[in-house]
Amino acid sequence: MLGLSWGRGDDSPAEDDPEGCVGGPNRVSLAQARRNVSAYGASEERLKRFVRPPFPDEHP
């Protein structure tokens, strides 16, 4: 019989603090990305050119 063990091992620090974690493929934290979207519509200012305006049914 094979026994399985599910430990934390190499889990990402983002699992403990996703709001403040910076690293990996992301250049900004989740919290900063949310502020950026509110401020200028994209997670990073350099990415604004890739963002389309919202459709009417996507407005809050």
PDB file of N, CA and C in Angstrom:
ATOM      1  N   MET A   1       0.843  -1.167   0.000  1.00  0.00           N
ATOM      2  CA  MET A   1       0.000   0.000   0.000  1.00  0.00           C
ATOM      3  C   MET A   1       0.897   1.241   0.000  1.00  0.00           C
ATOM      4  N   LEU A   2       0.509   2.215  -0.771  1.00  0.00           N
ATOM      5  CA  LEU A   2       1.265   3.455  -0.891  1.00  0.00           C
ATOM      6  C   LEU A   2       0.649   4.505   0.011  1.00  0.00           C
ATOM      7  N   GLY A   3       1.467   5.114   0.850  1.00  0.00           N
ATOM      8  CA  GLY A   3       0.977   6.176   1.725  1.00  0.00           C
ATOM      9  C   GLY A   3       1.294   7.540   1.123  1.00  0.00           C
ATOM     10  N   LEU A   4       0.355   8.456   1.191  1.00  0.00           N
ATOM     11  CA  LEU A   4       0.541   9.803   0.660  1.00  0.00           C
ATOM     12  C   LEU A   4       0.638  10.797   1.798  1.00  0.00           C
ATOM     13  N   SER A   5       1.480  11.758   1.630  1.00  0.00           N
ATOM     14  CA  SER A   5       1.650  12.810   2.633  1.00  0.00           C
ATOM     15  C   SER A   5       1.470  14.159   1.965  1.00  0.00           C
ATOM     16  N   TRP A   6       0.599  14.977   2.493  1.00  0.00           N
ATOM     17  CA  TRP A   6       0.355  16.311   1.949  1.00  0.00           C
ATOM     18  C   TRP A   6       0.898  17.332   2.931  1.00  0.00           C
ATOM     19  N   GLY A   7       2.138  17.729   2.752  1.00  0.00           N
ATOM     20  CA  GLY A   7       2.746  18.738   3.618  1.00  0.00           C
ATOM     21  C   GLY A   7       2.825  20.063   2.909  1.00  0.00           C
ATOM     22  N   ARG A   8       3.234  21.080   3.635  1.00  0.00           N
ATOM     23  CA  ARG A   8       3.340  22.411   3.047  1.00  0.00           C
ATOM     24  C   ARG A   8       4.557  22.502   2.140  1.00  0.00           C
ATOM     25  N   GLY A   9       5.612  21.814   2.468  1.00  0.00           N
ATOM     26  CA  GLY A   9       6.775  21.754   1.587  1.00  0.00           C
ATOM     27  C   GLY A   9       7.215  23.085   1.022  1.00  0.00           C
ATOM     28  N   ASP A  10       7.195  23.206  -0.307  1.00  0.00           N
ATOM     29  CA  ASP A  10       7.676  24.391  -0.996  1.00  0.00           C
ATOM     30  C   ASP A  10       6.560  25.360  -1.356  1.00  0.00           C
ATOM     31  N   ASP A  11       5.453  25.329  -0.636  1.00  0.00           N
ATOM     32  CA  ASP A  11       4.326  26.190  -0.975  1.00  0.00           C
ATOM     33  C   ASP A  11       4.746  27.647  -1.055  1.00  0.00           C
ATOM     34  N   SER A  12       4.052  28.362  -1.875  1.00  0.00           N
ATOM     35  CA  SER A  12       4.337  29.770  -2.102  1.00  0.00           C
ATOM     36  C   SER A  12       3.979  30.617  -0.895  1.00  0.00           C
ATOM     37  N   PRO A  13       4.768  31.654  -0.593  1.00  0.00           N
ATOM     38  CA  PRO A  13       4.399  32.582   0.476  1.00  0.00           C
ATOM     39  C   PRO A  13       3.089  33.309   0.176  1.00  0.00           C
ATOM     40  N   ALA A  14       2.694  33.356  -1.095  1.00  0.00           N
ATOM     41  CA  ALA A  14       1.446  34.019  -1.475  1.00  0.00           C
ATOM     42  C   ALA A  14       0.243  33.324  -0.860  1.00  0.00           C
ATOM     43  N   GLU A  15       0.387  32.046  -0.544  1.00  0.00           N
ATOM     44  CA  GLU A  15      -0.730  31.340   0.080  1.00  0.00           C
ATOM     45  C   GLU A  15      -1.000  31.870   1.475  1.00  0.00           C
ATOM     46  N   ASP A  16       0.023  32.364   2.157  1.00  0.00           N
ATOM     47  CA  ASP A  16      -0.143  32.909   3.491  1.00  0.00           C
ATOM     48  C   ASP A  16      -0.567  34.369   3.470  1.00  0.00           C
ATOM     49  N   ASP A  17      -0.121  35.132   2.483  1.00  0.00           N
ATOM     50  CA  ASP A  17      -0.427  36.564   2.401  1.00  0.00           C
ATOM     51  C   ASP A  17      -0.565  36.982   0.938  1.00  0.00           C
ATOM     52  N   PRO A  18      -1.670  36.599   0.270  1.00  0.00           N
ATOM     53  CA  PRO A  18      -1.808  36.925  -1.151  1.00  0.00           C
ATOM     54  C   PRO A  18      -1.921  38.421  -1.416  1.00  0.00           C
ATOM     55  N   GLU A  19      -2.385  39.179  -0.441  1.00  0.00           N
ATOM     56  CA  GLU A  19      -2.555  40.620  -0.632  1.00  0.00           C
ATOM     57  C   GLU A  19      -1.219  41.345  -0.748  1.00  0.00           C
ATOM     58  N   GLY A  20      -0.233  40.935   0.015  1.00  0.00           N
ATOM     59  CA  GLY A  20       1.021  41.666   0.054  1.00  0.00           C
ATOM     60  C   GLY A  20       2.188  40.989  -0.623  1.00  0.00           C
ATOM     61  N   CYS A  21       1.981  39.826  -1.188  1.00  0.00           N
ATOM     62  CA  CYS A  21       3.075  39.068  -1.778  1.00  0.00           C
ATOM     63  C   CYS A  21       3.459  39.628  -3.145  1.00  0.00           C
ATOM     64  N   VAL A  22       4.744  39.877  -3.318  1.00  0.00           N
ATOM     65  CA  VAL A  22       5.278  40.305  -4.604  1.00  0.00           C
ATOM     66  C   VAL A  22       6.351  39.302  -4.984  1.00  0.00           C
ATOM     67  N   GLY A  23       6.339  38.878  -6.213  1.00  0.00           N
ATOM     68  CA  GLY A  23       7.339  37.923  -6.652  1.00  0.00           C
ATOM     69  C   GLY A  23       6.757  36.995  -7.688  1.00  0.00           C
ATOM     70  N   GLY A  24       7.551  36.067  -8.126  1.00  0.00           N
ATOM     71  CA  GLY A  24       7.093  35.165  -9.171  1.00  0.00           C
ATOM     72  C   GLY A  24       6.826  35.946 -10.439  1.00  0.00           C
ATOM     73  N   PRO A  25       5.771  35.601 -11.164  1.00  0.00           N
ATOM     74  CA  PRO A  25       5.499  36.277 -12.432  1.00  0.00           C
ATOM     75  C   PRO A  25       4.886  37.665 -12.266  1.00  0.00           C
ATOM     76  N   ASN A  26       4.456  37.998 -11.052  1.00  0.00           N
ATOM     77  CA  ASN A  26       3.799  39.287 -10.832  1.00  0.00           C
ATOM     78  C   ASN A  26       4.795  40.349 -10.382  1.00  0.00           C
ATOM     79  N   ARG A  27       4.648  41.533 -10.939  1.00  0.00           N
ATOM     80  CA  ARG A  27       5.543  42.631 -10.570  1.00  0.00           C
ATOM     81  C   ARG A  27       4.991  43.442  -9.413  1.00  0.00           C
ATOM     82  N   VAL A  28       3.679  43.373  -9.215  1.00  0.00           N
ATOM     83  CA  VAL A  28       3.051  44.117  -8.119  1.00  0.00           C
ATOM     84  C   VAL A  28       2.229  43.149  -7.272  1.00  0.00           C
ATOM     85  N   SER A  29       1.975  43.528  -6.033  1.00  0.00           N
ATOM     86  CA  SER A  29       1.159  42.697  -5.160  1.00  0.00           C
ATOM     87  C   SER A  29      -0.305  42.786  -5.587  1.00  0.00           C
ATOM     88  N   LEU A  30      -1.107  41.865  -5.095  1.00  0.00           N
ATOM     89  CA  LEU A  30      -2.535  41.882  -5.390  1.00  0.00           C
ATOM     90  C   LEU A  30      -3.167  43.169  -4.879  1.00  0.00           C
ATOM     91  N   ALA A  31      -2.775  43.603  -3.685  1.00  0.00           N
ATOM     92  CA  ALA A  31      -3.325  44.835  -3.123  1.00  0.00           C
ATOM     93  C   ALA A  31      -2.965  46.041  -3.997  1.00  0.00           C
ATOM     94  N   GLN A  32      -1.722  46.121  -4.465  1.00  0.00           N
ATOM     95  CA  GLN A  32      -1.305  47.229  -5.322  1.00  0.00           C
ATOM     96  C   GLN A  32      -2.015  47.166  -6.663  1.00  0.00           C
ATOM     97  N   ALA A  33      -2.172  45.974  -7.218  1.00  0.00           N
ATOM     98  CA  ALA A  33      -2.871  45.826  -8.498  1.00  0.00           C
ATOM     99  C   ALA A  33      -4.310  46.317  -8.382  1.00  0.00           C
ATOM    100  N   ARG A  34      -4.961  46.025  -7.267  1.00  0.00           N
ATOM    101  CA  ARG A  34      -6.336  46.501  -7.060  1.00  0.00           C
ATOM    102  C   ARG A  34      -6.387  48.023  -6.997  1.00  0.00           C
ATOM    103  N   ARG A  35      -5.426  48.622  -6.312  1.00  0.00           N
ATOM    104  CA  ARG A  35      -5.374  50.100  -6.261  1.00  0.00           C
ATOM    105  C   ARG A  35      -5.121  50.672  -7.649  1.00  0.00           C
ATOM    106  N   ASN A  36      -4.238  50.037  -8.403  1.00  0.00           N
ATOM    107  CA  ASN A  36      -3.926  50.508  -9.752  1.00  0.00           C
ATOM    108  C   ASN A  36      -5.140  50.431 -10.669  1.00  0.00           C
ATOM    109  N   VAL A  37      -5.911  49.346 -10.577  1.00  0.00           N
ATOM    110  CA  VAL A  37      -7.110  49.218 -11.409  1.00  0.00           C
ATOM    111  C   VAL A  37      -8.093  50.337 -11.077  1.00  0.00           C
ATOM    112  N   SER A  38      -8.246  50.636  -9.805  1.00  0.00           N
ATOM    113  CA  SER A  38      -9.133  51.734  -9.414  1.00  0.00           C
ATOM    114  C   SER A  38      -8.628  53.070  -9.928  1.00  0.00           C
ATOM    115  N   ALA A  39      -7.321  53.251  -9.910  1.00  0.00           N
ATOM    116  CA  ALA A  39      -6.731  54.536 -10.298  1.00  0.00           C
ATOM    117  C   ALA A  39      -6.708  54.747 -11.812  1.00  0.00           C
ATOM    118  N   TYR A  40      -6.280  53.746 -12.569  1.00  0.00           N
ATOM    119  CA  TYR A  40      -6.152  53.959 -14.014  1.00  0.00           C
ATOM    120  C   TYR A  40      -6.546  52.791 -14.884  1.00  0.00           C
ATOM    121  N   GLY A  41      -7.269  51.811 -14.334  1.00  0.00           N
ATOM    122  CA  GLY A  41      -7.891  50.785 -15.152  1.00  0.00           C
ATOM    123  C   GLY A  41      -7.049  49.595 -15.560  1.00  0.00           C
ATOM    124  N   ALA A  42      -5.882  49.428 -14.988  1.00  0.00           N
ATOM    125  CA  ALA A  42      -5.030  48.275 -15.295  1.00  0.00           C
ATOM    126  C   ALA A  42      -4.216  47.927 -14.054  1.00  0.00           C
ATOM    127  N   SER A  43      -3.772  46.685 -13.973  1.00  0.00           N
ATOM    128  CA  SER A  43      -3.012  46.259 -12.795  1.00  0.00           C
ATOM    129  C   SER A  43      -1.659  46.959 -12.691  1.00  0.00           C
ATOM    130  N   GLU A  44      -1.135  47.372 -13.841  1.00  0.00           N
ATOM    131  CA  GLU A  44       0.098  48.162 -13.880  1.00  0.00           C
ATOM    132  C   GLU A  44      -0.077  49.238 -14.943  1.00  0.00           C
ATOM    133  N   GLU A  45       0.459  50.402 -14.699  1.00  0.00           N
ATOM    134  CA  GLU A  45       0.296  51.510 -15.645  1.00  0.00           C
ATOM    135  C   GLU A  45       0.832  51.153 -17.028  1.00  0.00           C
ATOM    136  N   ARG A  46       1.911  50.387 -17.080  1.00  0.00           N
ATOM    137  CA  ARG A  46       2.506  50.009 -18.364  1.00  0.00           C
ATOM    138  C   ARG A  46       1.592  49.104 -19.187  1.00  0.00           C
ATOM    139  N   LEU A  47       0.566  48.518 -18.565  1.00  0.00           N
ATOM    140  CA  LEU A  47      -0.330  47.598 -19.259  1.00  0.00           C
ATOM    141  C   LEU A  47      -1.618  48.254 -19.729  1.00  0.00           C
ATOM    142  N   LYS A  48      -1.780  49.544 -19.507  1.00  0.00           N
ATOM    143  CA  LYS A  48      -3.012  50.237 -19.885  1.00  0.00           C
ATOM    144  C   LYS A  48      -3.344  50.080 -21.363  1.00  0.00           C
ATOM    145  N   ARG A  49      -2.350  50.022 -22.205  1.00  0.00           N
ATOM    146  CA  ARG A  49      -2.602  49.940 -23.647  1.00  0.00           C
ATOM    147  C   ARG A  49      -3.236  48.617 -24.063  1.00  0.00           C
ATOM    148  N   PHE A  50      -3.205  47.614 -23.188  1.00  0.00           N
ATOM    149  CA  PHE A  50      -3.792  46.315 -23.497  1.00  0.00           C
ATOM    150  C   PHE A  50      -5.217  46.154 -22.953  1.00  0.00           C
ATOM    151  N   VAL A  51      -5.711  47.165 -22.263  1.00  0.00           N
ATOM    152  CA  VAL A  51      -7.018  47.072 -21.605  1.00  0.00           C
ATOM    153  C   VAL A  51      -8.073  47.789 -22.440  1.00  0.00           C
ATOM    154  N   ARG A  52      -9.182  47.112 -22.696  1.00  0.00           N
ATOM    155  CA  ARG A  52     -10.294  47.719 -23.428  1.00  0.00           C
ATOM    156  C   ARG A  52     -11.221  48.417 -22.442  1.00  0.00           C
ATOM    157  N   PRO A  53     -11.986  49.382 -22.906  1.00  0.00           N
ATOM    158  CA  PRO A  53     -12.992  49.994 -22.021  1.00  0.00           C
ATOM    159  C   PRO A  53     -14.052  48.949 -21.642  1.00  0.00           C
ATOM    160  N   PRO A  54     -14.661  49.083 -20.475  1.00  0.00           N
ATOM    161  CA  PRO A  54     -15.687  48.120 -20.082  1.00  0.00           C
ATOM    162  C   PRO A  54     -16.937  48.242 -20.931  1.00  0.00           C
ATOM    163  N   PHE A  55     -17.604  47.118 -21.157  1.00  0.00           N
ATOM    164  CA  PHE A  55     -18.908  47.118 -21.812  1.00  0.00           C
ATOM    165  C   PHE A  55     -19.936  47.669 -20.819  1.00  0.00           C
ATOM    166  N   PRO A  56     -21.054  48.201 -21.306  1.00  0.00           N
ATOM    167  CA  PRO A  56     -22.061  48.784 -20.400  1.00  0.00           C
ATOM    168  C   PRO A  56     -22.510  47.826 -19.287  1.00  0.00           C
ATOM    169  N   ASP A  57     -22.627  46.544 -19.581  1.00  0.00           N
ATOM    170  CA  ASP A  57     -23.092  45.613 -18.550  1.00  0.00           C
ATOM    171  C   ASP A  57     -21.995  45.204 -17.567  1.00  0.00           C
ATOM    172  N   GLU A  58     -20.768  45.713 -17.754  1.00  0.00           N
ATOM    173  CA  GLU A  58     -19.655  45.387 -16.846  1.00  0.00           C
ATOM    174  C   GLU A  58     -19.429  46.481 -15.798  1.00  0.00           C
ATOM    175  N   HIS A  59     -20.149  47.562 -15.868  1.00  0.00           N
ATOM    176  CA  HIS A  59     -20.010  48.625 -14.863  1.00  0.00           C
ATOM    177  C   HIS A  59     -20.671  48.195 -13.562  1.00  0.00           C
ATOM    178  N   PRO A  60     -20.065  48.532 -12.426  1.00  0.00           N
ATOM    179  CA  PRO A  60     -20.673  48.154 -11.138  1.00  0.00           C
ATOM    180  C   PRO A  60     -22.004  48.858 -10.895  1.00  0.00           C
TER     181      PRO A  60
END
